[in-house]
Amino acid sequence: MKKELYVTNPPMSNTNQESAQEMISDKELLSQFKRLEAIPNEPKKIVKEMIEAFLLKTECNKS
């Protein structure tokens, strides 16, 4: 079963950015997510699919 992940997110407000900074303790990862916000939607969609695939694989391997 293929899980589809298509999410469109509006640009983050200052409050949302502050929340993200509080939730993501890995500063390098947070920096990468901020940089991803600036890329076009099509490549961004591919990155999201790759992240989702990696997470699913990791979760399945735990079982």
C-alpha atoms as a PDB file:
ATOM      1  CA  MET A   1       0.000   0.000   0.000  1.00  0.00           C
ATOM      2  CA  LYS A   2       1.456   3.347  -1.037  1.00  0.00           C
ATOM      3  CA  LYS A   3       0.918   6.230   1.323  1.00  0.00           C
ATOM      4  CA  GLU A   4       0.503   9.539  -0.489  1.00  0.00           C
ATOM      5  CA  LEU A   5       1.885  12.674   1.110  1.00  0.00           C
ATOM      6  CA  TYR A   6       0.868  15.889  -0.572  1.00  0.00           C
ATOM      7  CA  VAL A   7       0.853  18.810   1.776  1.00  0.00           C
ATOM      8  CA  THR A   8       0.915  22.441   0.827  1.00  0.00           C
ATOM      9  CA  ASN A   9       2.051  24.721   3.573  1.00  0.00           C
ATOM     10  CA  PRO A  10       1.793  28.484   3.608  1.00  0.00           C
ATOM     11  CA  PRO A  11       4.976  30.366   4.524  1.00  0.00           C
ATOM     12  CA  MET A  12       5.639  30.134   8.232  1.00  0.00           C
ATOM     13  CA  SER A  13       4.777  33.111  10.396  1.00  0.00           C
ATOM     14  CA  ASN A  14       7.230  34.270  13.046  1.00  0.00           C
ATOM     15  CA  THR A  15       5.197  32.443  15.687  1.00  0.00           C
ATOM     16  CA  ASN A  16       5.296  29.203  13.689  1.00  0.00           C
ATOM     17  CA  GLN A  17       9.038  29.579  13.103  1.00  0.00           C
ATOM     18  CA  GLU A  18       9.593  30.027  16.818  1.00  0.00           C
ATOM     19  CA  SER A  19       7.498  26.915  17.514  1.00  0.00           C
ATOM     20  CA  ALA A  20       9.496  24.949  14.945  1.00  0.00           C
ATOM     21  CA  GLN A  21      12.737  26.080  16.570  1.00  0.00           C
ATOM     22  CA  GLU A  22      11.462  24.885  19.938  1.00  0.00           C
ATOM     23  CA  MET A  23      10.317  21.523  18.540  1.00  0.00           C
ATOM     24  CA  ILE A  24      13.374  20.743  16.391  1.00  0.00           C
ATOM     25  CA  SER A  25      16.426  20.533  18.608  1.00  0.00           C
ATOM     26  CA  ASP A  26      18.761  19.565  15.740  1.00  0.00           C
ATOM     27  CA  LYS A  27      19.911  22.973  14.479  1.00  0.00           C
ATOM     28  CA  GLU A  28      21.346  21.571  11.228  1.00  0.00           C
ATOM     29  CA  LEU A  29      18.027  19.893  10.415  1.00  0.00           C
ATOM     30  CA  LEU A  30      16.126  23.094  11.208  1.00  0.00           C
ATOM     31  CA  SER A  31      18.466  25.045   8.922  1.00  0.00           C
ATOM     32  CA  GLN A  32      17.899  22.541   6.115  1.00  0.00           C
ATOM     33  CA  PHE A  33      14.121  22.819   6.474  1.00  0.00           C
ATOM     34  CA  LYS A  34      14.372  26.618   6.296  1.00  0.00           C
ATOM     35  CA  ARG A  35      16.442  26.336   3.102  1.00  0.00           C
ATOM     36  CA  LEU A  36      13.905  23.911   1.614  1.00  0.00           C
ATOM     37  CA  GLU A  37      11.164  26.498   1.976  1.00  0.00           C
ATOM     38  CA  ALA A  38      12.841  28.553  -0.765  1.00  0.00           C
ATOM     39  CA  ILE A  39      12.915  25.841  -3.446  1.00  0.00           C
ATOM     40  CA  PRO A  40      10.161  25.366  -6.062  1.00  0.00           C
ATOM     41  CA  ASN A  41       7.205  23.122  -5.213  1.00  0.00           C
ATOM     42  CA  GLU A  42       8.058  20.215  -7.541  1.00  0.00           C
ATOM     43  CA  PRO A  43      11.514  19.472  -6.055  1.00  0.00           C
ATOM     44  CA  LYS A  44      10.093  20.154  -2.594  1.00  0.00           C
ATOM     45  CA  LYS A  45       7.458  17.474  -3.223  1.00  0.00           C
ATOM     46  CA  ILE A  46      10.217  14.983  -4.080  1.00  0.00           C
ATOM     47  CA  VAL A  47      12.093  15.803  -0.869  1.00  0.00           C
ATOM     48  CA  LYS A  48       8.910  15.295   1.163  1.00  0.00           C
ATOM     49  CA  GLU A  49       8.318  11.921  -0.501  1.00  0.00           C
ATOM     50  CA  MET A  50      11.904  10.869   0.229  1.00  0.00           C
ATOM     51  CA  ILE A  51      11.571  11.871   3.888  1.00  0.00           C
ATOM     52  CA  GLU A  52       8.276   9.985   4.174  1.00  0.00           C
ATOM     53  CA  ALA A  53       9.781   6.879   2.546  1.00  0.00           C
ATOM     54  CA  PHE A  54      12.770   6.979   4.884  1.00  0.00           C
ATOM     55  CA  LEU A  55      10.542   7.361   7.946  1.00  0.00           C
ATOM     56  CA  LEU A  56       8.262   4.512   6.855  1.00  0.00           C
ATOM     57  CA  LYS A  57      11.248   2.244   6.232  1.00  0.00           C
ATOM     58  CA  THR A  58      12.744   3.130   9.611  1.00  0.00           C
ATOM     59  CA  GLU A  59       9.435   2.513  11.379  1.00  0.00           C
ATOM     60  CA  CYS A  60       8.954  -0.824   9.615  1.00  0.00           C
ATOM     61  CA  ASN A  61      12.461  -1.963  10.578  1.00  0.00           C
ATOM     62  CA  LYS A  62      11.654  -1.329  14.260  1.00  0.00           C
ATOM     63  CA  SER A  63       8.875  -3.908  14.148  1.00  0.00           C
END
